[in-house]
């Protein structure tokens, strides 16, 4: 069984290169590659910073395990949106 399962939520740090300030947002997991230590999912938070337009609600992304700070199962998660 993968470390992160489809439907789980992970909290990820998104640094803003222009300000140097990080923002923490939730990503809904689609699938996980434990061998490559990557989680593939969709951003489930509305960014407060612009992040150069690269980070938007609903954006699909790959996240390295090292950037994950929190993990929740769907039953223990309330969407911030």
PDB file of N, CA and C in Angstrom:
ATOM      1  N   UNK A   1       0.848  -1.186   0.000  1.00  0.00           N
ATOM      2  CA  UNK A   1       0.000   0.000   0.000  1.00  0.00           C
ATOM      3  C   UNK A   1       0.894   1.250   0.000  1.00  0.00           C
ATOM      4  N   UNK A   2       0.601   2.231  -0.860  1.00  0.00           N
ATOM      5  CA  UNK A   2       1.405   3.451  -0.903  1.00  0.00           C
ATOM      6  C   UNK A   2       1.296   4.241   0.402  1.00  0.00           C
ATOM      7  N   UNK A   3       2.302   5.047   0.658  1.00  0.00           N
ATOM      8  CA  UNK A   3       2.320   5.872   1.857  1.00  0.00           C
ATOM      9  C   UNK A   3       1.171   6.886   1.847  1.00  0.00           C
ATOM     10  N   UNK A   4       0.877   7.435   0.680  1.00  0.00           N
ATOM     11  CA  UNK A   4      -0.219   8.391   0.514  1.00  0.00           C
ATOM     12  C   UNK A   4      -1.193   7.816  -0.504  1.00  0.00           C
ATOM     13  N   UNK A   5      -2.466   7.690  -0.131  1.00  0.00           N
ATOM     14  CA  UNK A   5      -3.467   7.044  -0.984  1.00  0.00           C
ATOM     15  C   UNK A   5      -4.349   8.085  -1.684  1.00  0.00           C
ATOM     16  N   UNK A   6      -4.976   7.663  -2.774  1.00  0.00           N
ATOM     17  CA  UNK A   6      -5.893   8.526  -3.521  1.00  0.00           C
ATOM     18  C   UNK A   6      -6.966   9.063  -2.577  1.00  0.00           C
ATOM     19  N   UNK A   7      -7.172  10.374  -2.629  1.00  0.00           N
ATOM     20  CA  UNK A   7      -8.170  11.020  -1.782  1.00  0.00           C
ATOM     21  C   UNK A   7      -7.599  11.602  -0.497  1.00  0.00           C
ATOM     22  N   UNK A   8      -6.386  11.190  -0.113  1.00  0.00           N
ATOM     23  CA  UNK A   8      -5.735  11.770   1.060  1.00  0.00           C
ATOM     24  C   UNK A   8      -5.400  13.228   0.772  1.00  0.00           C
ATOM     25  N   UNK A   9      -5.071  13.961   1.836  1.00  0.00           N
ATOM     26  CA  UNK A   9      -4.661  15.359   1.704  1.00  0.00           C
ATOM     27  C   UNK A   9      -3.284  15.523   2.332  1.00  0.00           C
ATOM     28  N   UNK A  10      -2.442  16.309   1.660  1.00  0.00           N
ATOM     29  CA  UNK A  10      -1.120  16.621   2.194  1.00  0.00           C
ATOM     30  C   UNK A  10      -0.968  18.136   2.237  1.00  0.00           C
ATOM     31  N   UNK A  11      -0.311  18.633   3.292  1.00  0.00           N
ATOM     32  CA  UNK A  11      -0.021  20.067   3.394  1.00  0.00           C
ATOM     33  C   UNK A  11       1.413  20.279   2.932  1.00  0.00           C
ATOM     34  N   UNK A  12       1.565  21.226   2.008  1.00  0.00           N
ATOM     35  CA  UNK A  12       2.837  21.435   1.322  1.00  0.00           C
ATOM     36  C   UNK A  12       3.251  22.902   1.432  1.00  0.00           C
ATOM     37  N   UNK A  13       4.557  23.131   1.566  1.00  0.00           N
ATOM     38  CA  UNK A  13       5.089  24.484   1.590  1.00  0.00           C
ATOM     39  C   UNK A  13       5.358  24.957   0.158  1.00  0.00           C
ATOM     40  N   UNK A  14       4.853  26.148  -0.161  1.00  0.00           N
ATOM     41  CA  UNK A  14       5.082  26.778  -1.459  1.00  0.00           C
ATOM     42  C   UNK A  14       5.796  28.104  -1.225  1.00  0.00           C
ATOM     43  N   UNK A  15       7.117  28.134  -1.419  1.00  0.00           N
ATOM     44  CA  UNK A  15       7.837  29.403  -1.246  1.00  0.00           C
ATOM     45  C   UNK A  15       7.526  30.361  -2.387  1.00  0.00           C
ATOM     46  N   UNK A  16       7.452  31.640  -2.069  1.00  0.00           N
ATOM     47  CA  UNK A  16       7.252  32.676  -3.086  1.00  0.00           C
ATOM     48  C   UNK A  16       8.614  33.303  -3.357  1.00  0.00           C
ATOM     49  N   UNK A  17       9.151  33.051  -4.544  1.00  0.00           N
ATOM     50  CA  UNK A  17      10.491  33.518  -4.886  1.00  0.00           C
ATOM     51  C   UNK A  17      10.624  35.042  -4.842  1.00  0.00           C
ATOM     52  N   UNK A  18       9.559  35.753  -5.155  1.00  0.00           N
ATOM     53  CA  UNK A  18       9.650  37.215  -5.209  1.00  0.00           C
ATOM     54  C   UNK A  18       9.668  37.841  -3.812  1.00  0.00           C
ATOM     55  N   UNK A  19       8.962  37.242  -2.842  1.00  0.00           N
ATOM     56  CA  UNK A  19       8.897  37.820  -1.497  1.00  0.00           C
ATOM     57  C   UNK A  19       9.741  37.055  -0.478  1.00  0.00           C
ATOM     58  N   UNK A  20      10.041  35.790  -0.770  1.00  0.00           N
ATOM     59  CA  UNK A  20      10.763  34.959   0.184  1.00  0.00           C
ATOM     60  C   UNK A  20       9.877  34.397   1.277  1.00  0.00           C
ATOM     61  N   UNK A  21       8.579  34.672   1.196  1.00  0.00           N
ATOM     62  CA  UNK A  21       7.622  34.203   2.192  1.00  0.00           C
ATOM     63  C   UNK A  21       6.960  32.919   1.691  1.00  0.00           C
ATOM     64  N   UNK A  22       6.903  31.917   2.555  1.00  0.00           N
ATOM     65  CA  UNK A  22       6.278  30.654   2.181  1.00  0.00           C
ATOM     66  C   UNK A  22       4.800  30.657   2.528  1.00  0.00           C
ATOM     67  N   UNK A  23       4.050  29.881   1.771  1.00  0.00           N
ATOM     68  CA  UNK A  23       2.623  29.696   1.998  1.00  0.00           C
ATOM     69  C   UNK A  23       2.373  28.190   2.093  1.00  0.00           C
ATOM     70  N   UNK A  24       1.535  27.795   3.035  1.00  0.00           N
ATOM     71  CA  UNK A  24       1.223  26.381   3.240  1.00  0.00           C
ATOM     72  C   UNK A  24      -0.159  26.104   2.673  1.00  0.00           C
ATOM     73  N   UNK A  25      -0.248  25.108   1.771  1.00  0.00           N
ATOM     74  CA  UNK A  25      -1.529  24.801   1.124  1.00  0.00           C
ATOM     75  C   UNK A  25      -1.753  23.296   1.062  1.00  0.00           C
ATOM     76  N   UNK A  26      -3.009  22.934   0.893  1.00  0.00           N
ATOM     77  CA  UNK A  26      -3.403  21.524   0.819  1.00  0.00           C
ATOM     78  C   UNK A  26      -3.452  21.037  -0.618  1.00  0.00           C
ATOM     79  N   UNK A  27      -2.979  19.813  -0.818  1.00  0.00           N
ATOM     80  CA  UNK A  27      -3.027  19.133  -2.109  1.00  0.00           C
ATOM     81  C   UNK A  27      -3.785  17.827  -1.915  1.00  0.00           C
ATOM     82  N   UNK A  28      -4.773  17.570  -2.784  1.00  0.00           N
ATOM     83  CA  UNK A  28      -5.533  16.307  -2.741  1.00  0.00           C
ATOM     84  C   UNK A  28      -4.776  15.281  -3.574  1.00  0.00           C
ATOM     85  N   UNK A  29      -4.481  14.146  -2.972  1.00  0.00           N
ATOM     86  CA  UNK A  29      -3.654  13.110  -3.601  1.00  0.00           C
ATOM     87  C   UNK A  29      -4.434  12.358  -4.673  1.00  0.00           C
ATOM     88  N   UNK A  30      -3.807  12.193  -5.832  1.00  0.00           N
ATOM     89  CA  UNK A  30      -4.339  11.336  -6.890  1.00  0.00           C
ATOM     90  C   UNK A  30      -3.645   9.975  -6.841  1.00  0.00           C
ATOM     91  N   UNK A  31      -2.314  10.002  -6.820  1.00  0.00           N
ATOM     92  CA  UNK A  31      -1.554   8.766  -6.660  1.00  0.00           C
ATOM     93  C   UNK A  31      -0.160   9.092  -6.141  1.00  0.00           C
ATOM     94  N   UNK A  32       0.549   8.036  -5.762  1.00  0.00           N
ATOM     95  CA  UNK A  32       1.839   8.191  -5.107  1.00  0.00           C
ATOM     96  C   UNK A  32       2.831   7.208  -5.726  1.00  0.00           C
ATOM     97  N   UNK A  33       4.073   7.654  -5.877  1.00  0.00           N
ATOM     98  CA  UNK A  33       5.156   6.780  -6.312  1.00  0.00           C
ATOM     99  C   UNK A  33       6.162   6.725  -5.166  1.00  0.00           C
ATOM    100  N   UNK A  34       6.028   5.697  -4.309  1.00  0.00           N
ATOM    101  CA  UNK A  34       6.893   5.575  -3.135  1.00  0.00           C
ATOM    102  C   UNK A  34       8.358   5.427  -3.527  1.00  0.00           C
ATOM    103  N   UNK A  35       8.627   4.716  -4.613  1.00  0.00           N
ATOM    104  CA  UNK A  35      10.006   4.493  -5.041  1.00  0.00           C
ATOM    105  C   UNK A  35      10.701   5.811  -5.409  1.00  0.00           C
ATOM    106  N   UNK A  36       9.987   6.674  -6.145  1.00  0.00           N
ATOM    107  CA  UNK A  36      10.550   7.968  -6.547  1.00  0.00           C
ATOM    108  C   UNK A  36      10.291   9.061  -5.511  1.00  0.00           C
ATOM    109  N   UNK A  37       9.510   8.712  -4.459  1.00  0.00           N
ATOM    110  CA  UNK A  37       9.192   9.628  -3.370  1.00  0.00           C
ATOM    111  C   UNK A  37       8.462  10.878  -3.882  1.00  0.00           C
ATOM    112  N   UNK A  38       7.437  10.620  -4.734  1.00  0.00           N
ATOM    113  CA  UNK A  38       6.625  11.692  -5.299  1.00  0.00           C
ATOM    114  C   UNK A  38       5.144  11.424  -5.053  1.00  0.00           C
ATOM    115  N   UNK A  39       4.415  12.491  -4.794  1.00  0.00           N
ATOM    116  CA  UNK A  39       2.958  12.440  -4.702  1.00  0.00           C
ATOM    117  C   UNK A  39       2.414  13.291  -5.836  1.00  0.00           C
ATOM    118  N   UNK A  40       1.440  12.757  -6.550  1.00  0.00           N
ATOM    119  CA  UNK A  40       0.787  13.476  -7.642  1.00  0.00           C
ATOM    120  C   UNK A  40      -0.615  13.838  -7.180  1.00  0.00           C
ATOM    121  N   UNK A  41      -0.989  15.111  -7.350  1.00  0.00           N
ATOM    122  CA  UNK A  41      -2.296  15.521  -6.875  1.00  0.00           C
ATOM    123  C   UNK A  41      -2.695  16.876  -7.413  1.00  0.00           C
ATOM    124  N   UNK A  42      -3.780  17.415  -6.836  1.00  0.00           N
ATOM    125  CA  UNK A  42      -4.394  18.657  -7.277  1.00  0.00           C
ATOM    126  C   UNK A  42      -4.449  19.639  -6.119  1.00  0.00           C
ATOM    127  N   UNK A  43      -4.020  20.872  -6.351  1.00  0.00           N
ATOM    128  CA  UNK A  43      -4.053  21.893  -5.314  1.00  0.00           C
ATOM    129  C   UNK A  43      -5.500  22.142  -4.891  1.00  0.00           C
ATOM    130  N   UNK A  44      -5.756  22.078  -3.572  1.00  0.00           N
ATOM    131  CA  UNK A  44      -7.105  22.227  -3.042  1.00  0.00           C
ATOM    132  C   UNK A  44      -7.242  23.483  -2.177  1.00  0.00           C
ATOM    133  N   UNK A  45      -6.289  24.388  -2.262  1.00  0.00           N
ATOM    134  CA  UNK A  45      -6.325  25.653  -1.526  1.00  0.00           C
ATOM    135  C   UNK A  45      -6.234  26.808  -2.521  1.00  0.00           C
ATOM    136  N   UNK A  46      -6.828  27.924  -2.144  1.00  0.00           N
ATOM    137  CA  UNK A  46      -6.720  29.128  -2.966  1.00  0.00           C
ATOM    138  C   UNK A  46      -5.480  29.886  -2.498  1.00  0.00           C
ATOM    139  N   UNK A  47      -4.480  30.052  -3.372  1.00  0.00           N
ATOM    140  CA  UNK A  47      -3.257  30.751  -2.964  1.00  0.00           C
ATOM    141  C   UNK A  47      -3.517  32.211  -2.612  1.00  0.00           C
ATOM    142  N   UNK A  48      -2.849  32.685  -1.556  1.00  0.00           N
ATOM    143  CA  UNK A  48      -2.936  34.096  -1.185  1.00  0.00           C
ATOM    144  C   UNK A  48      -1.907  34.916  -1.949  1.00  0.00           C
ATOM    145  N   UNK A  49      -0.772  34.287  -2.277  1.00  0.00           N
ATOM    146  CA  UNK A  49       0.295  34.948  -3.036  1.00  0.00           C
ATOM    147  C   UNK A  49       0.163  34.586  -4.516  1.00  0.00           C
ATOM    148  N   UNK A  50       0.776  35.375  -5.375  1.00  0.00           N
ATOM    149  CA  UNK A  50       0.645  35.144  -6.819  1.00  0.00           C
ATOM    150  C   UNK A  50       1.501  33.984  -7.311  1.00  0.00           C
ATOM    151  N   UNK A  51       2.667  33.747  -6.694  1.00  0.00           N
ATOM    152  CA  UNK A  51       3.574  32.674  -7.113  1.00  0.00           C
ATOM    153  C   UNK A  51       3.843  32.734  -8.613  1.00  0.00           C
ATOM    154  N   UNK A  52       3.847  33.926  -9.168  1.00  0.00           N
ATOM    155  CA  UNK A  52       4.126  34.107 -10.590  1.00  0.00           C
ATOM    156  C   UNK A  52       3.102  33.429 -11.488  1.00  0.00           C
ATOM    157  N   UNK A  53       1.885  33.191 -10.968  1.00  0.00           N
ATOM    158  CA  UNK A  53       0.833  32.544 -11.749  1.00  0.00           C
ATOM    159  C   UNK A  53       1.020  31.042 -11.915  1.00  0.00           C
ATOM    160  N   UNK A  54       2.047  30.476 -11.289  1.00  0.00           N
ATOM    161  CA  UNK A  54       2.344  29.042 -11.449  1.00  0.00           C
ATOM    162  C   UNK A  54       1.522  28.157 -10.507  1.00  0.00           C
ATOM    163  N   UNK A  55       0.990  28.734  -9.432  1.00  0.00           N
ATOM    164  CA  UNK A  55       0.266  27.951  -8.435  1.00  0.00           C
ATOM    165  C   UNK A  55      -1.161  28.480  -8.353  1.00  0.00           C
ATOM    166  N   UNK A  56      -2.126  27.672  -8.793  1.00  0.00           N
ATOM    167  CA  UNK A  56      -3.525  28.084  -8.802  1.00  0.00           C
ATOM    168  C   UNK A  56      -4.411  26.939  -8.303  1.00  0.00           C
ATOM    169  N   UNK A  57      -5.568  27.283  -7.768  1.00  0.00           N
ATOM    170  CA  UNK A  57      -6.530  26.291  -7.311  1.00  0.00           C
ATOM    171  C   UNK A  57      -6.824  25.307  -8.437  1.00  0.00           C
ATOM    172  N   UNK A  58      -6.761  24.011  -8.148  1.00  0.00           N
ATOM    173  CA  UNK A  58      -7.065  22.979  -9.135  1.00  0.00           C
ATOM    174  C   UNK A  58      -5.882  22.556  -9.986  1.00  0.00           C
ATOM    175  N   UNK A  59      -4.733  23.195  -9.813  1.00  0.00           N
ATOM    176  CA  UNK A  59      -3.549  22.847 -10.610  1.00  0.00           C
ATOM    177  C   UNK A  59      -3.044  21.464 -10.224  1.00  0.00           C
ATOM    178  N   UNK A  60      -2.742  20.658 -11.243  1.00  0.00           N
ATOM    179  CA  UNK A  60      -2.169  19.333 -11.007  1.00  0.00           C
ATOM    180  C   UNK A  60      -0.669  19.487 -10.827  1.00  0.00           C
ATOM    181  N   UNK A  61      -0.110  18.734  -9.874  1.00  0.00           N
ATOM    182  CA  UNK A  61       1.308  18.890  -9.574  1.00  0.00           C
ATOM    183  C   UNK A  61       1.903  17.620  -9.008  1.00  0.00           C
ATOM    184  N   UNK A  62       3.232  17.569  -9.029  1.00  0.00           N
ATOM    185  CA  UNK A  62       3.998  16.492  -8.409  1.00  0.00           C
ATOM    186  C   UNK A  62       4.748  17.100  -7.233  1.00  0.00           C
ATOM    187  N   UNK A  63       4.656  16.455  -6.081  1.00  0.00           N
ATOM    188  CA  UNK A  63       5.252  16.974  -4.853  1.00  0.00           C
ATOM    189  C   UNK A  63       6.249  15.955  -4.307  1.00  0.00           C
ATOM    190  N   UNK A  64       7.440  16.411  -4.010  1.00  0.00           N
ATOM    191  CA  UNK A  64       8.461  15.568  -3.398  1.00  0.00           C
ATOM    192  C   UNK A  64       8.096  15.342  -1.931  1.00  0.00           C
ATOM    193  N   UNK A  65       8.301  14.113  -1.442  1.00  0.00           N
ATOM    194  CA  UNK A  65       7.982  13.773  -0.060  1.00  0.00           C
ATOM    195  C   UNK A  65       8.565  14.782   0.939  1.00  0.00           C
ATOM    196  N   UNK A  66       9.752  15.313   0.670  1.00  0.00           N
ATOM    197  CA  UNK A  66      10.425  16.214   1.606  1.00  0.00           C
ATOM    198  C   UNK A  66       9.670  17.520   1.819  1.00  0.00           C
ATOM    199  N   UNK A  67       8.790  17.890   0.897  1.00  0.00           N
ATOM    200  CA  UNK A  67       8.022  19.139   1.026  1.00  0.00           C
ATOM    201  C   UNK A  67       6.725  18.958   1.803  1.00  0.00           C
ATOM    202  N   UNK A  68       6.382  17.726   2.148  1.00  0.00           N
ATOM    203  CA  UNK A  68       5.124  17.429   2.835  1.00  0.00           C
ATOM    204  C   UNK A  68       5.307  17.644   4.338  1.00  0.00           C
ATOM    205  N   UNK A  69       4.413  18.432   4.940  1.00  0.00           N
ATOM    206  CA  UNK A  69       4.497  18.724   6.367  1.00  0.00           C
ATOM    207  C   UNK A  69       3.360  18.115   7.181  1.00  0.00           C
ATOM    208  N   UNK A  70       2.283  17.748   6.512  1.00  0.00           N
ATOM    209  CA  UNK A  70       1.139  17.171   7.221  1.00  0.00           C
ATOM    210  C   UNK A  70       0.403  16.253   6.269  1.00  0.00           C
ATOM    211  N   UNK A  71      -0.253  15.235   6.824  1.00  0.00           N
ATOM    212  CA  UNK A  71      -0.976  14.240   6.030  1.00  0.00           C
ATOM    213  C   UNK A  71      -2.279  13.923   6.741  1.00  0.00           C
ATOM    214  N   UNK A  72      -3.384  13.972   5.998  1.00  0.00           N
ATOM    215  CA  UNK A  72      -4.696  13.645   6.572  1.00  0.00           C
ATOM    216  C   UNK A  72      -5.462  12.733   5.628  1.00  0.00           C
ATOM    217  N   UNK A  73      -6.192  11.812   6.210  1.00  0.00           N
ATOM    218  CA  UNK A  73      -7.136  10.974   5.460  1.00  0.00           C
ATOM    219  C   UNK A  73      -8.380  11.817   5.162  1.00  0.00           C
ATOM    220  N   UNK A  74      -9.128  11.484   4.116  1.00  0.00           N
ATOM    221  CA  UNK A  74     -10.302  12.281   3.758  1.00  0.00           C
ATOM    222  C   UNK A  74     -11.304  12.440   4.904  1.00  0.00           C
ATOM    223  N   UNK A  75     -11.455  11.420   5.735  1.00  0.00           N
ATOM    224  CA  UNK A  75     -12.424  11.490   6.836  1.00  0.00           C
ATOM    225  C   UNK A  75     -12.025  12.519   7.891  1.00  0.00           C
ATOM    226  N   UNK A  76     -10.758  12.895   7.961  1.00  0.00           N
ATOM    227  CA  UNK A  76     -10.301  13.853   8.959  1.00  0.00           C
ATOM    228  C   UNK A  76      -9.984  15.212   8.389  1.00  0.00           C
ATOM    229  N   UNK A  77     -10.489  15.499   7.186  1.00  0.00           N
ATOM    230  CA  UNK A  77     -10.138  16.741   6.518  1.00  0.00           C
ATOM    231  C   UNK A  77     -11.362  17.554   6.179  1.00  0.00           C
ATOM    232  N   UNK A  78     -11.314  18.863   6.469  1.00  0.00           N
ATOM    233  CA  UNK A  78     -12.344  19.812   6.022  1.00  0.00           C
ATOM    234  C   UNK A  78     -11.688  20.751   5.038  1.00  0.00           C
ATOM    235  N   UNK A  79     -12.209  20.828   3.820  1.00  0.00           N
ATOM    236  CA  UNK A  79     -11.635  21.671   2.782  1.00  0.00           C
ATOM    237  C   UNK A  79     -11.655  23.135   3.217  1.00  0.00           C
ATOM    238  N   UNK A  80     -10.540  23.854   2.994  1.00  0.00           N
ATOM    239  CA  UNK A  80     -10.496  25.269   3.352  1.00  0.00           C
ATOM    240  C   UNK A  80     -11.323  26.146   2.422  1.00  0.00           C
ATOM    241  N   UNK A  81     -11.800  25.596   1.309  1.00  0.00           N
ATOM    242  CA  UNK A  81     -12.533  26.391   0.319  1.00  0.00           C
ATOM    243  C   UNK A  81     -14.016  26.178   0.428  1.00  0.00           C
TER     244      UNK A  81
END
